[in-house]
C-alpha atoms as a PDB file:
ATOM      1  CA  MET A   1       1.891 -79.746  25.130  1.00  0.00           C
ATOM      2  CA  THR A   2       5.150 -78.668  25.548  1.00  0.00           C
ATOM      3  CA  ASN A   3       7.048 -80.318  28.240  1.00  0.00           C
ATOM      4  CA  PHE A   4       8.738 -77.551  30.401  1.00  0.00           C
ATOM      5  CA  SER A   5      10.891 -80.155  32.522  1.00  0.00           C
ATOM      6  CA  LEU A   6      13.656 -78.306  33.244  1.00  0.00           C
ATOM      7  CA  LEU A   7      11.946 -75.207  34.270  1.00  0.00           C
ATOM      8  CA  GLU A   8      10.412 -74.559  37.586  1.00  0.00           C
ATOM      9  CA  ALA A   9       8.568 -71.314  39.477  1.00  0.00           C
ATOM     10  CA  ASN A  10       9.140 -71.730  43.065  1.00  0.00           C
ATOM     11  CA  PRO A  11       7.430 -68.754  44.971  1.00  0.00           C
ATOM     12  CA  ALA A  12      11.244 -68.593  47.307  1.00  0.00           C
ATOM     13  CA  ILE A  13      13.577 -68.555  44.497  1.00  0.00           C
ATOM     14  CA  LEU A  14      13.033 -65.134  42.663  1.00  0.00           C
ATOM     15  CA  GLY A  15       9.441 -64.518  43.962  1.00  0.00           C
ATOM     16  CA  GLY A  16       8.553 -67.067  41.861  1.00  0.00           C
ATOM     17  CA  LYS A  17       9.811 -66.100  38.313  1.00  0.00           C
ATOM     18  CA  PRO A  18      10.184 -69.044  36.003  1.00  0.00           C
ATOM     19  CA  CYS A  19      13.521 -70.127  36.243  1.00  0.00           C
ATOM     20  CA  ILE A  20      16.298 -72.984  35.001  1.00  0.00           C
ATOM     21  CA  LYS A  21      15.568 -75.850  37.507  1.00  0.00           C
ATOM     22  CA  GLY A  22      18.359 -75.843  39.666  1.00  0.00           C
ATOM     23  CA  THR A  23      19.512 -72.219  39.201  1.00  0.00           C
ATOM     24  CA  ARG A  24      18.299 -68.292  39.643  1.00  0.00           C
ATOM     25  CA  ILE A  25      18.563 -67.757  36.279  1.00  0.00           C
ATOM     26  CA  SER A  26      14.992 -66.637  35.019  1.00  0.00           C
ATOM     27  CA  VAL A  27      13.314 -66.838  31.671  1.00  0.00           C
ATOM     28  CA  GLU A  28      12.901 -63.320  31.739  1.00  0.00           C
ATOM     29  CA  PHE A  29      17.213 -63.086  32.041  1.00  0.00           C
ATOM     30  CA  ILE A  30      17.476 -65.639  29.191  1.00  0.00           C
ATOM     31  CA  LEU A  31      14.988 -63.181  26.994  1.00  0.00           C
ATOM     32  CA  GLU A  32      17.218 -60.152  28.031  1.00  0.00           C
ATOM     33  CA  LEU A  33      20.419 -61.959  26.747  1.00  0.00           C
ATOM     34  CA  VAL A  34      18.695 -62.710  23.637  1.00  0.00           C
ATOM     35  CA  ALA A  35      17.528 -59.260  22.626  1.00  0.00           C
ATOM     36  CA  SER A  36      20.774 -58.085  23.227  1.00  0.00           C
ATOM     37  CA  GLY A  37      22.290 -60.049  20.624  1.00  0.00           C
ATOM     38  CA  SER A  38      23.262 -63.556  22.379  1.00  0.00           C
ATOM     39  CA  SER A  39      22.402 -66.548  20.747  1.00  0.00           C
ATOM     40  CA  VAL A  40      21.955 -69.896  22.643  1.00  0.00           C
ATOM     41  CA  ASP A  41      25.268 -71.160  22.014  1.00  0.00           C
ATOM     42  CA  ASP A  42      26.746 -67.690  23.496  1.00  0.00           C
ATOM     43  CA  ILE A  43      24.347 -68.392  26.418  1.00  0.00           C
ATOM     44  CA  VAL A  44      25.394 -71.759  27.163  1.00  0.00           C
ATOM     45  CA  SER A  45      29.098 -70.800  26.677  1.00  0.00           C
ATOM     46  CA  ALA A  46      28.733 -68.133  29.343  1.00  0.00           C
ATOM     47  CA  TYR A  47      27.001 -70.612  31.552  1.00  0.00           C
ATOM     48  CA  PRO A  48      27.792 -73.952  30.914  1.00  0.00           C
ATOM     49  CA  HIS A  49      25.863 -75.303  33.636  1.00  0.00           C
ATOM     50  CA  LEU A  50      22.674 -74.374  31.766  1.00  0.00           C
ATOM     51  CA  GLY A  51      22.682 -76.412  28.714  1.00  0.00           C
ATOM     52  CA  LYS A  52      21.301 -75.933  25.567  1.00  0.00           C
ATOM     53  CA  GLU A  53      18.096 -77.528  26.189  1.00  0.00           C
ATOM     54  CA  ALA A  54      16.914 -75.959  28.841  1.00  0.00           C
ATOM     55  CA  VAL A  55      17.904 -72.357  27.663  1.00  0.00           C
ATOM     56  CA  GLN A  56      15.769 -73.289  24.290  1.00  0.00           C
ATOM     57  CA  GLN A  57      13.087 -74.647  27.055  1.00  0.00           C
ATOM     58  CA  ALA A  58      13.541 -71.219  28.369  1.00  0.00           C
ATOM     59  CA  ILE A  59      12.986 -69.077  24.843  1.00  0.00           C
ATOM     60  CA  LEU A  60       9.874 -71.711  23.979  1.00  0.00           C
ATOM     61  CA  TYR A  61       8.290 -71.169  27.129  1.00  0.00           C
ATOM     62  CA  ALA A  62       8.258 -67.296  26.579  1.00  0.00           C
ATOM     63  CA  ALA A  63       7.110 -67.535  23.342  1.00  0.00           C
ATOM     64  CA  GLN A  64       3.953 -70.232  24.279  1.00  0.00           C
ATOM     65  CA  LEU A  65       3.380 -67.440  27.122  1.00  0.00           C
ATOM     66  CA  ASN A  66       2.659 -65.066  24.352  1.00  0.00           C
ATOM     67  CA  LYS A  67       1.332 -66.830  21.719  1.00  0.00           C
ATOM     68  CA  ASN A  68      -2.232 -66.033  22.310  1.00  0.00           C
ATOM     69  CA  GLU A  69      -1.805 -62.924  23.534  1.00  0.00           C
ATOM     70  CA  ILE A  70      -3.921 -59.695  22.290  1.00  0.00           C
ATOM     71  CA  LEU A  71      -3.286 -55.980  22.631  1.00  0.00           C
ATOM     72  CA  LEU A  72      -6.260 -53.962  23.019  1.00  0.00           C
ATOM     73  CA  GLN A  73      -5.794 -50.201  22.115  1.00  0.00           C
ATOM     74  CA  ILE A  74      -8.014 -48.184  24.375  1.00  0.00           C
ATOM     75  CA  LYS A  75      -9.033 -44.508  23.818  1.00  0.00           C
ATOM     76  CA  ALA A  76      -9.549 -42.211  26.560  1.00  0.00           C
ATOM     77  CA  VAL A  77     -12.778 -40.695  26.755  1.00  0.00           C
ATOM     78  CA  ALA A  78     -12.826 -37.226  27.050  1.00  0.00           C
END
């Protein structure tokens, strides 16, 4: 089991979205940066207070969240 010690989900911060501890930078935002072409090093350069390990934990957290997700196709009945 992975330890996500650098992440937190606090209802008082961004409505409880998982964030990097001590920040208002969400896992979702990190994924949006990665999806737009940013590398971990790019993100840490832009947000040096995060640190590489925290950014990597955010990405791993998102990956593990979706690891066992199953998509179902539902056909509409006419």
